[in-house]
Amino acid sequence: MGSLYRDIISSATGVTDLEVIGELEEIMRHDIFHSTLDWQTREELEDAARLAVKVREELEEAGG
């Protein structure tokens, strides 16, 4: 995982655990954008990171 995305995700969400940040990045790629992240603006990445936290929480609640 590139440090640029790690820093954006951490800054937007307050998450510092690298494993969780990696999970959030994967959610952003596969569930939110269905694409790579390199064409997104910083604002879009920040919004997606916050959404990814919610998606991750829902997945955990559902047992997945």
N, C-alpha and C. Protein backbone atom coordinates (compact mmCIF):
# COMPACT_ATOMS: atom_id res chain seq x y z
N MET A 1 0.86 -1.18 0.00
CA MET A 1 0.00 0.00 0.00
C MET A 1 0.89 1.23 0.00
N GLY A 2 0.62 2.16 -0.88
CA GLY A 2 1.41 3.37 -0.94
C GLY A 2 1.17 4.28 0.24
N SER A 3 2.21 4.98 0.66
CA SER A 3 2.08 5.83 1.84
C SER A 3 1.14 7.01 1.60
N LEU A 4 0.99 7.44 0.36
CA LEU A 4 0.08 8.54 0.06
C LEU A 4 -1.34 8.17 0.47
N TYR A 5 -1.80 7.01 0.05
CA TYR A 5 -3.15 6.59 0.40
C TYR A 5 -3.25 6.32 1.89
N ARG A 6 -2.24 5.70 2.48
CA ARG A 6 -2.24 5.43 3.92
C ARG A 6 -2.41 6.74 4.69
N ASP A 7 -1.67 7.76 4.30
CA ASP A 7 -1.74 9.05 4.99
C ASP A 7 -3.11 9.70 4.82
N ILE A 8 -3.67 9.65 3.63
CA ILE A 8 -4.99 10.24 3.38
C ILE A 8 -6.05 9.51 4.19
N ILE A 9 -6.01 8.19 4.16
CA ILE A 9 -7.00 7.39 4.89
C ILE A 9 -6.90 7.66 6.38
N SER A 10 -5.69 7.67 6.89
CA SER A 10 -5.50 7.91 8.32
C SER A 10 -5.95 9.31 8.71
N SER A 11 -5.59 10.28 7.92
CA SER A 11 -5.97 11.67 8.20
C SER A 11 -7.48 11.86 8.18
N ALA A 12 -8.15 11.23 7.22
CA ALA A 12 -9.60 11.39 7.07
C ALA A 12 -10.39 10.64 8.13
N THR A 13 -9.83 9.54 8.63
CA THR A 13 -10.60 8.67 9.52
C THR A 13 -10.09 8.63 10.96
N GLY A 14 -8.84 9.01 11.17
CA GLY A 14 -8.24 8.89 12.49
C GLY A 14 -7.70 7.49 12.78
N VAL A 15 -7.82 6.59 11.83
CA VAL A 15 -7.33 5.22 11.99
C VAL A 15 -5.82 5.22 11.83
N THR A 16 -5.13 4.52 12.73
CA THR A 16 -3.67 4.44 12.65
C THR A 16 -3.16 3.02 12.47
N ASP A 17 -4.01 2.03 12.71
CA ASP A 17 -3.63 0.62 12.57
C ASP A 17 -3.43 0.32 11.08
N LEU A 18 -2.21 -0.06 10.70
CA LEU A 18 -1.90 -0.27 9.29
C LEU A 18 -2.71 -1.38 8.66
N GLU A 19 -3.03 -2.41 9.41
CA GLU A 19 -3.85 -3.49 8.86
C GLU A 19 -5.25 -3.00 8.53
N VAL A 20 -5.82 -2.21 9.43
CA VAL A 20 -7.16 -1.66 9.20
C VAL A 20 -7.13 -0.68 8.03
N ILE A 21 -6.09 0.13 7.96
CA ILE A 21 -5.96 1.06 6.84
C ILE A 21 -5.92 0.30 5.53
N GLY A 22 -5.20 -0.81 5.50
CA GLY A 22 -5.15 -1.65 4.30
C GLY A 22 -6.52 -2.18 3.93
N GLU A 23 -7.29 -2.59 4.94
CA GLU A 23 -8.64 -3.08 4.69
C GLU A 23 -9.51 -1.96 4.13
N LEU A 24 -9.37 -0.76 4.68
CA LEU A 24 -10.15 0.38 4.19
C LEU A 24 -9.79 0.70 2.75
N GLU A 25 -8.50 0.63 2.42
CA GLU A 25 -8.08 0.90 1.05
C GLU A 25 -8.69 -0.13 0.10
N GLU A 26 -8.71 -1.38 0.49
CA GLU A 26 -9.31 -2.42 -0.35
C GLU A 26 -10.81 -2.18 -0.54
N ILE A 27 -11.50 -1.77 0.52
CA ILE A 27 -12.92 -1.45 0.41
C ILE A 27 -13.12 -0.28 -0.56
N MET A 28 -12.25 0.72 -0.45
CA MET A 28 -12.34 1.86 -1.35
C MET A 28 -12.18 1.43 -2.80
N ARG A 29 -11.20 0.56 -3.06
CA ARG A 29 -10.93 0.11 -4.42
C ARG A 29 -12.07 -0.76 -4.98
N HIS A 30 -12.51 -1.73 -4.17
CA HIS A 30 -13.40 -2.77 -4.69
C HIS A 30 -14.88 -2.50 -4.48
N ASP A 31 -15.23 -1.80 -3.41
CA ASP A 31 -16.65 -1.62 -3.08
C ASP A 31 -17.16 -0.21 -3.32
N ILE A 32 -16.29 0.77 -3.26
CA ILE A 32 -16.75 2.15 -3.42
C ILE A 32 -16.50 2.65 -4.84
N PHE A 33 -15.24 2.58 -5.30
CA PHE A 33 -14.92 3.09 -6.62
C PHE A 33 -14.95 2.01 -7.70
N HIS A 34 -14.81 0.75 -7.33
CA HIS A 34 -14.74 -0.34 -8.30
C HIS A 34 -13.63 -0.08 -9.32
N SER A 35 -12.53 0.48 -8.82
CA SER A 35 -11.45 0.90 -9.71
C SER A 35 -10.20 1.19 -8.90
N THR A 36 -9.18 1.61 -9.59
CA THR A 36 -7.98 2.08 -8.91
C THR A 36 -8.28 3.42 -8.24
N LEU A 37 -7.39 3.84 -7.37
CA LEU A 37 -7.62 5.09 -6.64
C LEU A 37 -6.89 6.28 -7.25
N ASP A 38 -5.99 6.03 -8.18
CA ASP A 38 -5.10 7.09 -8.64
C ASP A 38 -5.77 8.20 -9.44
N TRP A 39 -6.99 8.03 -9.87
CA TRP A 39 -7.66 9.09 -10.62
C TRP A 39 -8.62 9.91 -9.75
N GLN A 40 -8.68 9.58 -8.45
CA GLN A 40 -9.58 10.29 -7.53
C GLN A 40 -8.90 11.55 -6.98
N THR A 41 -9.70 12.56 -6.71
CA THR A 41 -9.16 13.74 -6.04
C THR A 41 -8.95 13.42 -4.57
N ARG A 42 -8.18 14.24 -3.89
CA ARG A 42 -7.96 14.04 -2.46
C ARG A 42 -9.28 14.07 -1.71
N GLU A 43 -10.15 15.01 -2.05
CA GLU A 43 -11.45 15.12 -1.39
C GLU A 43 -12.27 13.85 -1.58
N GLU A 44 -12.27 13.31 -2.80
CA GLU A 44 -13.00 12.07 -3.06
C GLU A 44 -12.41 10.91 -2.25
N LEU A 45 -11.09 10.87 -2.15
CA LEU A 45 -10.44 9.82 -1.37
C LEU A 45 -10.79 9.95 0.11
N GLU A 46 -10.81 11.16 0.63
CA GLU A 46 -11.16 11.38 2.03
C GLU A 46 -12.61 10.96 2.30
N ASP A 47 -13.51 11.36 1.42
CA ASP A 47 -14.92 10.96 1.58
C ASP A 47 -15.06 9.45 1.51
N ALA A 48 -14.36 8.83 0.57
CA ALA A 48 -14.43 7.38 0.42
C ALA A 48 -13.84 6.67 1.63
N ALA A 49 -12.79 7.22 2.21
CA ALA A 49 -12.18 6.61 3.40
C ALA A 49 -13.18 6.60 4.55
N ARG A 50 -13.89 7.71 4.73
CA ARG A 50 -14.89 7.76 5.80
C ARG A 50 -16.04 6.79 5.52
N LEU A 51 -16.43 6.67 4.28
CA LEU A 51 -17.47 5.71 3.90
C LEU A 51 -16.97 4.28 4.11
N ALA A 52 -15.72 4.04 3.79
CA ALA A 52 -15.14 2.70 3.96
C ALA A 52 -15.17 2.26 5.42
N VAL A 53 -14.99 3.20 6.34
CA VAL A 53 -15.08 2.86 7.77
C VAL A 53 -16.48 2.33 8.07
N LYS A 54 -17.49 2.99 7.55
CA LYS A 54 -18.87 2.54 7.78
C LYS A 54 -19.13 1.18 7.14
N VAL A 55 -18.63 1.00 5.93
CA VAL A 55 -18.80 -0.29 5.24
C VAL A 55 -18.12 -1.39 6.05
N ARG A 56 -16.91 -1.13 6.52
CA ARG A 56 -16.18 -2.12 7.32
C ARG A 56 -16.94 -2.47 8.59
N GLU A 57 -17.49 -1.47 9.25
CA GLU A 57 -18.27 -1.71 10.47
C GLU A 57 -19.50 -2.58 10.16
N GLU A 58 -20.18 -2.29 9.06
CA GLU A 58 -21.35 -3.09 8.66
C GLU A 58 -20.94 -4.53 8.36
N LEU A 59 -19.81 -4.71 7.70
CA LEU A 59 -19.34 -6.05 7.41
C LEU A 59 -19.01 -6.82 8.69
N GLU A 60 -18.40 -6.14 9.64
CA GLU A 60 -18.07 -6.78 10.91
C GLU A 60 -19.35 -7.17 11.66
N GLU A 61 -20.35 -6.29 11.65
CA GLU A 61 -21.62 -6.59 12.32
C GLU A 61 -22.33 -7.78 11.67
N ALA A 62 -22.16 -7.90 10.36
CA ALA A 62 -22.80 -8.99 9.63
C ALA A 62 -21.99 -10.29 9.72
N GLY A 63 -20.83 -10.19 10.34
CA GLY A 63 -20.00 -11.36 10.50
C GLY A 63 -19.10 -11.66 9.32
N GLY A 64 -18.88 -10.66 8.48
CA GLY A 64 -18.07 -10.92 7.30
C GLY A 64 -16.87 -10.11 7.27
